[in-house]
Amino acid sequence: MNKFKAFVADFDGTLVDSSLKISPTVENSIKNLIARGFLFSIATARPFYGIMEEVCSQLSLKSPIIVRAGSEIFDPVQKVPIWAKYIPESEAKHLIKYCLEIEQSISLERDREIYVFGKQPSKEYSSGLEIKDFQSLVEYGRISKIVLRGVEENTLEEFKKTLSSTFEALHIDISLNPQRKAVLDIVSGETSKKVALHKFTELVGIKPENVVGIGDGYNDQELLSACGYKVAMQNAPEEIRKIADIIVKTAEKNGVAEAIEKIFMSSYGSKRA
């Protein structure tokens, strides 16, 4: 009997390529997986509203999904959050003040709203959100995620270190958007994709060791570290490939479908030597 009960996939660069479309091969593999009684979920930095909502409908997902870099878990059927960790108001105010002083682009996400100063999010990212002028933000409660865009790539790591030491109550991750441009995703220090994965297993009644995780980016490392079996996409950074139990083809070559076939549809699910 396969000890794995759930498959949790990153979205950008894993479940979909830069076109943001799920291939028919991957869609059929996921639906077959679910039909056989396994759980399928997604863990992404994106908000639920918009493209993720559409994908959940396309795949007929019923299992909770992890969104906004682990700050929220959504019921894809009822389309409501069932668990959330918000950024403390004092930390949000402090970070906003810091960014405005150095003229750093910043956006704050709350429910279906996104408050923007400076560089705008892409239309496909914000398709399900109402973009509001930053000046209209009057209270700082229930902020799920803050995104910093437009940071120069050669200063990204150093800027992250500076922010992490200045804002110790926040969790900061480097994330790549579909155009392979890096942004900083910031959530409460009480959560991350790893924390959310553990909460996901509680909600569905399984253990983390029963979960197969798959990802392609630095920000998937915590997700994979929480899973019983780790899958890296072929184009993942070396740090991700090093911790993987297996490596599959890229999103363009249906890597998710390959992982499903090898792990869930065969007797392959044992650890490699």
C-alpha atoms as a PDB file:
ATOM      1  CA  MET A   1       0.000   0.000   0.000  1.00  0.00           C
ATOM      2  CA  ASN A   2       1.339   3.470  -0.900  1.00  0.00           C
ATOM      3  CA  LYS A   3       2.136   5.333   2.323  1.00  0.00           C
ATOM      4  CA  PHE A   4       1.613   8.665   0.612  1.00  0.00           C
ATOM      5  CA  LYS A   5      -1.865  10.148   0.807  1.00  0.00           C
ATOM      6  CA  ALA A   6      -1.473  13.680  -0.567  1.00  0.00           C
ATOM      7  CA  PHE A   7       0.427  15.533  -3.270  1.00  0.00           C
ATOM      8  CA  VAL A   8       1.096  19.249  -2.694  1.00  0.00           C
ATOM      9  CA  ALA A   9       2.447  21.258  -5.630  1.00  0.00           C
ATOM     10  CA  ASP A  10       3.915  24.698  -6.037  1.00  0.00           C
ATOM     11  CA  PHE A  11       2.143  26.658  -8.774  1.00  0.00           C
ATOM     12  CA  ASP A  12       4.400  28.914 -10.885  1.00  0.00           C
ATOM     13  CA  GLY A  13       7.119  26.950 -12.653  1.00  0.00           C
ATOM     14  CA  THR A  14       5.848  23.647 -11.260  1.00  0.00           C
ATOM     15  CA  LEU A  15       2.169  23.071 -11.939  1.00  0.00           C
ATOM     16  CA  VAL A  16       2.234  25.603 -14.791  1.00  0.00           C
ATOM     17  CA  ASP A  17       4.892  27.167 -17.007  1.00  0.00           C
ATOM     18  CA  SER A  18       5.132  30.861 -17.922  1.00  0.00           C
ATOM     19  CA  SER A  19       1.863  30.619 -19.880  1.00  0.00           C
ATOM     20  CA  LEU A  20       0.081  29.912 -16.559  1.00  0.00           C
ATOM     21  CA  LYS A  21      -1.872  27.098 -18.209  1.00  0.00           C
ATOM     22  CA  ILE A  22      -2.148  23.540 -16.925  1.00  0.00           C
ATOM     23  CA  SER A  23      -1.380  21.126 -19.735  1.00  0.00           C
ATOM     24  CA  PRO A  24      -4.003  18.497 -20.611  1.00  0.00           C
ATOM     25  CA  THR A  25      -1.509  15.782 -19.585  1.00  0.00           C
ATOM     26  CA  VAL A  26      -1.033  17.257 -16.105  1.00  0.00           C
ATOM     27  CA  GLU A  27      -4.751  17.979 -15.698  1.00  0.00           C
ATOM     28  CA  ASN A  28      -5.655  14.383 -16.541  1.00  0.00           C
ATOM     29  CA  SER A  29      -2.978  13.025 -14.181  1.00  0.00           C
ATOM     30  CA  ILE A  30      -4.263  15.119 -11.282  1.00  0.00           C
ATOM     31  CA  LYS A  31      -7.879  14.152 -11.893  1.00  0.00           C
ATOM     32  CA  ASN A  32      -6.881  10.483 -12.092  1.00  0.00           C
ATOM     33  CA  LEU A  33      -4.932  10.855  -8.838  1.00  0.00           C
ATOM     34  CA  ILE A  34      -7.967  12.321  -7.078  1.00  0.00           C
ATOM     35  CA  ALA A  35     -10.250   9.640  -8.553  1.00  0.00           C
ATOM     36  CA  ARG A  36      -8.020   7.005  -6.946  1.00  0.00           C
ATOM     37  CA  GLY A  37      -8.605   8.522  -3.513  1.00  0.00           C
ATOM     38  CA  PHE A  38      -5.471  10.622  -3.086  1.00  0.00           C
ATOM     39  CA  LEU A  39      -5.535  14.286  -2.072  1.00  0.00           C
ATOM     40  CA  PHE A  40      -4.162  17.005  -4.320  1.00  0.00           C
ATOM     41  CA  SER A  41      -3.391  20.529  -3.133  1.00  0.00           C
ATOM     42  CA  ILE A  42      -1.450  23.623  -4.138  1.00  0.00           C
ATOM     43  CA  ALA A  43       0.978  25.768  -2.120  1.00  0.00           C
ATOM     44  CA  THR A  44       1.605  29.168  -3.680  1.00  0.00           C
ATOM     45  CA  ALA A  45       2.523  32.772  -2.917  1.00  0.00           C
ATOM     46  CA  ARG A  46      -0.455  33.899  -4.995  1.00  0.00           C
ATOM     47  CA  PRO A  47      -3.795  34.996  -3.521  1.00  0.00           C
ATOM     48  CA  PHE A  48      -6.758  32.631  -3.857  1.00  0.00           C
ATOM     49  CA  TYR A  49      -8.859  35.116  -5.800  1.00  0.00           C
ATOM     50  CA  GLY A  50      -8.349  35.207  -9.545  1.00  0.00           C
ATOM     51  CA  ILE A  51      -6.245  32.598 -11.282  1.00  0.00           C
ATOM     52  CA  MET A  52      -6.042  30.198  -8.316  1.00  0.00           C
ATOM     53  CA  GLU A  53      -9.810  30.235  -7.974  1.00  0.00           C
ATOM     54  CA  GLU A  54     -10.085  29.341 -11.666  1.00  0.00           C
ATOM     55  CA  VAL A  55      -7.522  26.542 -11.388  1.00  0.00           C
ATOM     56  CA  CYS A  56      -9.296  24.990  -8.402  1.00  0.00           C
ATOM     57  CA  SER A  57     -12.502  24.968 -10.414  1.00  0.00           C
ATOM     58  CA  GLN A  58     -10.749  23.514 -13.477  1.00  0.00           C
ATOM     59  CA  LEU A  59      -9.289  20.649 -11.422  1.00  0.00           C
ATOM     60  CA  SER A  60     -12.430  20.222  -9.270  1.00  0.00           C
ATOM     61  CA  LEU A  61     -10.276  20.492  -6.139  1.00  0.00           C
ATOM     62  CA  LYS A  62     -11.881  19.850  -2.770  1.00  0.00           C
ATOM     63  CA  SER A  63      -8.791  19.715  -0.548  1.00  0.00           C
ATOM     64  CA  PRO A  64      -7.714  22.950   1.178  1.00  0.00           C
ATOM     65  CA  ILE A  65      -5.023  24.933  -0.654  1.00  0.00           C
ATOM     66  CA  ILE A  66      -2.187  27.016   0.779  1.00  0.00           C
ATOM     67  CA  VAL A  67      -2.010  30.571  -0.581  1.00  0.00           C
ATOM     68  CA  ARG A  68      -0.230  33.877   0.023  1.00  0.00           C
ATOM     69  CA  ALA A  69       3.064  32.207   0.965  1.00  0.00           C
ATOM     70  CA  GLY A  70       1.515  30.222   3.794  1.00  0.00           C
ATOM     71  CA  SER A  71      -0.439  33.015   5.445  1.00  0.00           C
ATOM     72  CA  GLU A  72      -3.827  31.584   4.410  1.00  0.00           C
ATOM     73  CA  ILE A  73      -5.413  28.211   3.756  1.00  0.00           C
ATOM     74  CA  PHE A  74      -8.551  28.298   1.616  1.00  0.00           C
ATOM     75  CA  ASP A  75     -11.484  25.955   1.151  1.00  0.00           C
ATOM     76  CA  PRO A  76     -11.668  25.880  -2.671  1.00  0.00           C
ATOM     77  CA  VAL A  77     -15.292  24.754  -2.662  1.00  0.00           C
ATOM     78  CA  GLN A  78     -16.718  27.355  -0.285  1.00  0.00           C
ATOM     79  CA  LYS A  79     -14.086  29.887  -1.463  1.00  0.00           C
ATOM     80  CA  VAL A  80     -13.355  31.100   2.051  1.00  0.00           C
ATOM     81  CA  PRO A  81     -10.237  31.086   4.261  1.00  0.00           C
ATOM     82  CA  ILE A  82     -10.341  28.360   6.908  1.00  0.00           C
ATOM     83  CA  TRP A  83      -7.063  29.317   8.569  1.00  0.00           C
ATOM     84  CA  ALA A  84      -4.930  32.461   8.519  1.00  0.00           C
ATOM     85  CA  LYS A  85      -2.005  34.208  10.187  1.00  0.00           C
ATOM     86  CA  TYR A  86      -1.973  37.969   9.727  1.00  0.00           C
ATOM     87  CA  ILE A  87       0.951  40.380   9.960  1.00  0.00           C
ATOM     88  CA  PRO A  88       0.891  42.213  13.329  1.00  0.00           C
ATOM     89  CA  GLU A  89      -0.387  45.766  12.851  1.00  0.00           C
ATOM     90  CA  SER A  90       2.676  47.310  14.518  1.00  0.00           C
ATOM     91  CA  GLU A  91       5.009  45.425  12.174  1.00  0.00           C
ATOM     92  CA  ALA A  92       2.965  46.392   9.129  1.00  0.00           C
ATOM     93  CA  LYS A  93       3.109  50.070  10.086  1.00  0.00           C
ATOM     94  CA  HIS A  94       6.850  49.890  10.753  1.00  0.00           C
ATOM     95  CA  LEU A  95       7.581  48.192   7.422  1.00  0.00           C
ATOM     96  CA  ILE A  96       5.387  50.617   5.484  1.00  0.00           C
ATOM     97  CA  LYS A  97       7.183  53.587   7.050  1.00  0.00           C
ATOM     98  CA  TYR A  98      10.566  52.027   6.256  1.00  0.00           C
ATOM     99  CA  CYS A  99       9.658  51.411   2.598  1.00  0.00           C
ATOM    100  CA  LEU A 100       8.188  54.855   2.057  1.00  0.00           C
ATOM    101  CA  GLU A 101      11.340  56.470   3.467  1.00  0.00           C
ATOM    102  CA  ILE A 102      13.552  54.670   0.928  1.00  0.00           C
ATOM    103  CA  GLU A 103      10.927  54.920  -1.854  1.00  0.00           C
ATOM    104  CA  GLN A 104      10.646  51.152  -2.148  1.00  0.00           C
ATOM    105  CA  SER A 105       7.602  49.825  -4.040  1.00  0.00           C
ATOM    106  CA  ILE A 106       5.277  47.984  -1.698  1.00  0.00           C
ATOM    107  CA  SER A 107       1.860  46.332  -1.892  1.00  0.00           C
ATOM    108  CA  LEU A 108      -0.302  45.040   0.949  1.00  0.00           C
ATOM    109  CA  GLU A 109      -2.843  42.256   0.480  1.00  0.00           C
ATOM    110  CA  ARG A 110      -6.003  41.965   2.556  1.00  0.00           C
ATOM    111  CA  ASP A 111      -8.978  39.835   1.547  1.00  0.00           C
ATOM    112  CA  ARG A 112      -9.853  40.918  -2.032  1.00  0.00           C
ATOM    113  CA  GLU A 113      -7.971  44.210  -1.774  1.00  0.00           C
ATOM    114  CA  ILE A 114      -4.406  45.139  -2.661  1.00  0.00           C
ATOM    115  CA  TYR A 115      -2.984  48.528  -1.654  1.00  0.00           C
ATOM    116  CA  VAL A 116      -0.122  49.639  -3.882  1.00  0.00           C
ATOM    117  CA  PHE A 117       2.663  52.199  -3.617  1.00  0.00           C
ATOM    118  CA  GLY A 118       5.018  52.396  -6.591  1.00  0.00           C
ATOM    119  CA  LYS A 119       5.448  49.433  -8.941  1.00  0.00           C
ATOM    120  CA  GLN A 120       2.131  47.792  -9.843  1.00  0.00           C
ATOM    121  CA  PRO A 121       1.531  44.023  -9.691  1.00  0.00           C
ATOM    122  CA  SER A 122       0.938  42.307 -13.029  1.00  0.00           C
ATOM    123  CA  LYS A 123      -2.629  42.112 -14.320  1.00  0.00           C
ATOM    124  CA  GLU A 124      -2.677  38.319 -14.129  1.00  0.00           C
ATOM    125  CA  TYR A 125      -1.539  38.399 -10.473  1.00  0.00           C
ATOM    126  CA  SER A 126      -4.126  40.961  -9.418  1.00  0.00           C
ATOM    127  CA  SER A 127      -6.983  39.771 -11.666  1.00  0.00           C
ATOM    128  CA  GLY A 128      -9.211  38.779  -8.737  1.00  0.00           C
ATOM    129  CA  LEU A 129      -8.259  41.716  -6.516  1.00  0.00           C
ATOM    130  CA  GLU A 130      -9.379  45.318  -6.230  1.00  0.00           C
ATOM    131  CA  ILE A 131      -6.327  47.572  -6.601  1.00  0.00           C
ATOM    132  CA  LYS A 132      -6.511  50.552  -4.272  1.00  0.00           C
ATOM    133  CA  ASP A 133      -4.412  53.633  -3.850  1.00  0.00           C
ATOM    134  CA  PHE A 134      -1.994  53.295  -0.970  1.00  0.00           C
ATOM    135  CA  GLN A 135      -3.220  56.557   0.538  1.00  0.00           C
ATOM    136  CA  SER A 136      -6.680  55.029   1.086  1.00  0.00           C
ATOM    137  CA  LEU A 137      -5.297  52.538   3.625  1.00  0.00           C
ATOM    138  CA  VAL A 138      -6.528  53.744   7.013  1.00  0.00           C
ATOM    139  CA  GLU A 139      -6.163  50.668   9.222  1.00  0.00           C
ATOM    140  CA  TYR A 140      -3.625  47.865   9.252  1.00  0.00           C
ATOM    141  CA  GLY A 141      -5.468  44.798  10.527  1.00  0.00           C
ATOM    142  CA  ARG A 142      -5.893  41.507   8.639  1.00  0.00           C
ATOM    143  CA  ILE A 143      -2.998  42.090   6.248  1.00  0.00           C
ATOM    144  CA  SER A 144      -2.059  38.638   4.953  1.00  0.00           C
ATOM    145  CA  LYS A 145       0.983  39.422   2.859  1.00  0.00           C
ATOM    146  CA  ILE A 146       3.215  42.301   1.846  1.00  0.00           C
ATOM    147  CA  VAL A 147       5.137  42.220  -1.447  1.00  0.00           C
ATOM    148  CA  LEU A 148       8.186  44.309  -2.330  1.00  0.00           C
ATOM    149  CA  ARG A 149       8.692  44.646  -6.091  1.00  0.00           C
ATOM    150  CA  GLY A 150      11.392  46.281  -8.154  1.00  0.00           C
ATOM    151  CA  VAL A 151      14.337  45.370  -5.931  1.00  0.00           C
ATOM    152  CA  GLU A 152      17.560  45.187  -7.950  1.00  0.00           C
ATOM    153  CA  GLU A 153      18.630  41.555  -8.356  1.00  0.00           C
ATOM    154  CA  ASN A 154      22.232  42.242  -7.361  1.00  0.00           C
ATOM    155  CA  THR A 155      21.073  43.677  -4.021  1.00  0.00           C
ATOM    156  CA  LEU A 156      18.228  41.239  -3.348  1.00  0.00           C
ATOM    157  CA  GLU A 157      19.976  38.882  -0.899  1.00  0.00           C
ATOM    158  CA  GLU A 158      21.553  41.730   1.045  1.00  0.00           C
ATOM    159  CA  PHE A 159      18.230  43.609   1.206  1.00  0.00           C
ATOM    160  CA  LYS A 160      16.504  40.472   2.480  1.00  0.00           C
ATOM    161  CA  LYS A 161      19.146  40.104   5.231  1.00  0.00           C
ATOM    162  CA  THR A 162      18.685  43.740   6.233  1.00  0.00           C
ATOM    163  CA  LEU A 163      14.912  43.373   6.418  1.00  0.00           C
ATOM    164  CA  SER A 164      15.125  40.082   8.335  1.00  0.00           C
ATOM    165  CA  SER A 165      17.358  41.638  10.989  1.00  0.00           C
ATOM    166  CA  THR A 166      15.210  44.780  11.215  1.00  0.00           C
ATOM    167  CA  PHE A 167      11.829  43.018  11.225  1.00  0.00           C
ATOM    168  CA  GLU A 168      12.378  39.880  13.276  1.00  0.00           C
ATOM    169  CA  ALA A 169       8.636  39.250  13.686  1.00  0.00           C
ATOM    170  CA  LEU A 170       8.211  38.770   9.923  1.00  0.00           C
ATOM    171  CA  HIS A 171       9.002  35.877   7.573  1.00  0.00           C
ATOM    172  CA  ILE A 172      10.632  36.981   4.297  1.00  0.00           C
ATOM    173  CA  ASP A 173      11.085  34.889   1.160  1.00  0.00           C
ATOM    174  CA  ILE A 174      12.496  35.524  -2.300  1.00  0.00           C
ATOM    175  CA  SER A 175       9.995  34.525  -4.976  1.00  0.00           C
ATOM    176  CA  LEU A 176      10.122  34.523  -8.782  1.00  0.00           C
ATOM    177  CA  ASN A 177       7.145  35.745 -10.791  1.00  0.00           C
ATOM    178  CA  PRO A 178       6.253  34.194 -14.188  1.00  0.00           C
ATOM    179  CA  GLN A 179       8.611  36.654 -15.902  1.00  0.00           C
ATOM    180  CA  ARG A 180      11.417  35.302 -13.635  1.00  0.00           C
ATOM    181  CA  LYS A 181      11.643  38.643 -11.843  1.00  0.00           C
ATOM    182  CA  ALA A 182      12.382  38.341  -8.148  1.00  0.00           C
ATOM    183  CA  VAL A 183      10.132  39.846  -5.490  1.00  0.00           C
ATOM    184  CA  LEU A 184      10.145  39.667  -1.701  1.00  0.00           C
ATOM    185  CA  ASP A 185       7.098  38.014  -0.131  1.00  0.00           C
ATOM    186  CA  ILE A 186       6.567  38.987   3.496  1.00  0.00           C
ATOM    187  CA  VAL A 187       4.184  37.286   5.928  1.00  0.00           C
ATOM    188  CA  SER A 188       3.809  36.944   9.679  1.00  0.00           C
ATOM    189  CA  GLY A 189       6.799  35.382  11.404  1.00  0.00           C
ATOM    190  CA  GLU A 190       4.386  32.835  12.822  1.00  0.00           C
ATOM    191  CA  THR A 191       3.866  31.208   9.449  1.00  0.00           C
ATOM    192  CA  SER A 192       5.512  30.003   6.237  1.00  0.00           C
ATOM    193  CA  LYS A 193       4.789  27.329   3.645  1.00  0.00           C
ATOM    194  CA  LYS A 194       6.197  24.812   6.144  1.00  0.00           C
ATOM    195  CA  VAL A 195       3.910  25.926   8.964  1.00  0.00           C
ATOM    196  CA  ALA A 196       0.932  25.968   6.599  1.00  0.00           C
ATOM    197  CA  LEU A 197       1.767  22.464   5.329  1.00  0.00           C
ATOM    198  CA  HIS A 198       1.624  21.147   8.898  1.00  0.00           C
ATOM    199  CA  LYS A 199      -1.724  22.897   9.393  1.00  0.00           C
ATOM    200  CA  PHE A 200      -2.967  21.427   6.100  1.00  0.00           C
ATOM    201  CA  THR A 201      -2.199  17.914   7.327  1.00  0.00           C
ATOM    202  CA  GLU A 202      -4.119  18.591  10.537  1.00  0.00           C
ATOM    203  CA  LEU A 203      -7.115  19.798   8.575  1.00  0.00           C
ATOM    204  CA  VAL A 204      -7.237  16.732   6.309  1.00  0.00           C
ATOM    205  CA  GLY A 205      -6.346  14.206   9.005  1.00  0.00           C
ATOM    206  CA  ILE A 206      -2.974  12.920   7.802  1.00  0.00           C
ATOM    207  CA  LYS A 207       0.673  13.328   8.844  1.00  0.00           C
ATOM    208  CA  PRO A 208       3.400  15.349   7.098  1.00  0.00           C
ATOM    209  CA  GLU A 209       5.238  12.119   6.267  1.00  0.00           C
ATOM    210  CA  ASN A 210       2.201  11.116   4.200  1.00  0.00           C
ATOM    211  CA  VAL A 211       2.698  14.125   1.897  1.00  0.00           C
ATOM    212  CA  VAL A 212       4.654  14.361  -1.343  1.00  0.00           C
ATOM    213  CA  GLY A 213       5.753  17.925  -2.097  1.00  0.00           C
ATOM    214  CA  ILE A 214       7.018  19.305  -5.400  1.00  0.00           C
ATOM    215  CA  GLY A 215       8.581  22.664  -6.242  1.00  0.00           C
ATOM    216  CA  ASP A 216      11.031  24.560  -8.415  1.00  0.00           C
ATOM    217  CA  GLY A 217      12.187  27.601  -6.427  1.00  0.00           C
ATOM    218  CA  TYR A 218      14.057  28.776  -3.347  1.00  0.00           C
ATOM    219  CA  ASN A 219      10.750  29.622  -1.675  1.00  0.00           C
ATOM    220  CA  ASP A 220       9.704  25.952  -1.933  1.00  0.00           C
ATOM    221  CA  GLN A 221      12.497  24.744   0.335  1.00  0.00           C
ATOM    222  CA  GLU A 222      10.441  25.050   3.520  1.00  0.00           C
ATOM    223  CA  LEU A 223       7.466  23.334   1.901  1.00  0.00           C
ATOM    224  CA  LEU A 224       9.612  20.410   0.783  1.00  0.00           C
ATOM    225  CA  SER A 225      11.378  20.158   4.141  1.00  0.00           C
ATOM    226  CA  ALA A 226       8.006  19.496   5.777  1.00  0.00           C
ATOM    227  CA  CYS A 227       7.016  16.688   3.399  1.00  0.00           C
ATOM    228  CA  GLY A 228       7.687  12.974   3.664  1.00  0.00           C
ATOM    229  CA  TYR A 229       8.854  12.826   0.046  1.00  0.00           C
ATOM    230  CA  LYS A 230      10.465  15.657  -1.894  1.00  0.00           C
ATOM    231  CA  VAL A 231      10.321  16.238  -5.640  1.00  0.00           C
ATOM    232  CA  ALA A 232      12.305  18.923  -7.465  1.00  0.00           C
ATOM    233  CA  MET A 233      11.712  20.154 -10.975  1.00  0.00           C
ATOM    234  CA  GLN A 234      14.659  19.733 -13.330  1.00  0.00           C
ATOM    235  CA  ASN A 235      15.182  23.501 -13.517  1.00  0.00           C
ATOM    236  CA  ALA A 236      15.129  24.013  -9.731  1.00  0.00           C
ATOM    237  CA  PRO A 237      18.165  25.622  -8.038  1.00  0.00           C
ATOM    238  CA  GLU A 238      20.875  23.247  -6.861  1.00  0.00           C
ATOM    239  CA  GLU A 239      19.861  23.782  -3.227  1.00  0.00           C
ATOM    240  CA  ILE A 240      16.399  22.401  -3.991  1.00  0.00           C
ATOM    241  CA  ARG A 241      17.641  19.519  -6.137  1.00  0.00           C
ATOM    242  CA  LYS A 242      20.052  18.474  -3.382  1.00  0.00           C
ATOM    243  CA  ILE A 243      17.276  17.830  -0.868  1.00  0.00           C
ATOM    244  CA  ALA A 244      14.995  16.096  -3.378  1.00  0.00           C
ATOM    245  CA  ASP A 245      14.260  12.376  -3.356  1.00  0.00           C
ATOM    246  CA  ILE A 246      13.658  12.490  -7.107  1.00  0.00           C
ATOM    247  CA  ILE A 247      13.998  15.073  -9.869  1.00  0.00           C
ATOM    248  CA  VAL A 248      11.429  15.283 -12.663  1.00  0.00           C
ATOM    249  CA  LYS A 249      11.195  17.160 -15.939  1.00  0.00           C
ATOM    250  CA  THR A 250      10.250  20.827 -16.195  1.00  0.00           C
ATOM    251  CA  ALA A 251       6.711  22.195 -16.212  1.00  0.00           C
ATOM    252  CA  GLU A 252       6.945  22.527 -20.003  1.00  0.00           C
ATOM    253  CA  LYS A 253       7.548  18.755 -20.158  1.00  0.00           C
ATOM    254  CA  ASN A 254       4.795  17.776 -17.689  1.00  0.00           C
ATOM    255  CA  GLY A 255       7.005  17.147 -14.650  1.00  0.00           C
ATOM    256  CA  VAL A 256       4.021  17.018 -12.289  1.00  0.00           C
ATOM    257  CA  ALA A 257       2.445  14.212 -14.340  1.00  0.00           C
ATOM    258  CA  GLU A 258       5.773  12.356 -14.292  1.00  0.00           C
ATOM    259  CA  ALA A 259       5.919  12.589 -10.487  1.00  0.00           C
ATOM    260  CA  ILE A 260       2.342  11.358 -10.095  1.00  0.00           C
ATOM    261  CA  GLU A 261       3.011   8.345 -12.313  1.00  0.00           C
ATOM    262  CA  LYS A 262       6.245   7.379 -10.559  1.00  0.00           C
ATOM    263  CA  ILE A 263       5.125   7.878  -6.972  1.00  0.00           C
ATOM    264  CA  PHE A 264       1.398   7.258  -6.834  1.00  0.00           C
ATOM    265  CA  MET A 265       0.628   5.030  -9.811  1.00  0.00           C
ATOM    266  CA  SER A 266       3.462   2.528  -9.321  1.00  0.00           C
ATOM    267  CA  SER A 267       5.424   0.908  -6.524  1.00  0.00           C
ATOM    268  CA  TYR A 268       8.109   3.578  -6.861  1.00  0.00           C
ATOM    269  CA  GLY A 269       7.172   5.415  -3.659  1.00  0.00           C
ATOM    270  CA  SER A 270      10.123   4.216  -1.604  1.00  0.00           C
ATOM    271  CA  LYS A 271      13.060   6.459  -0.781  1.00  0.00           C
ATOM    272  CA  ARG A 272      15.961   6.341  -3.162  1.00  0.00           C
ATOM    273  CA  ALA A 273      19.167   4.863  -1.840  1.00  0.00           C
END
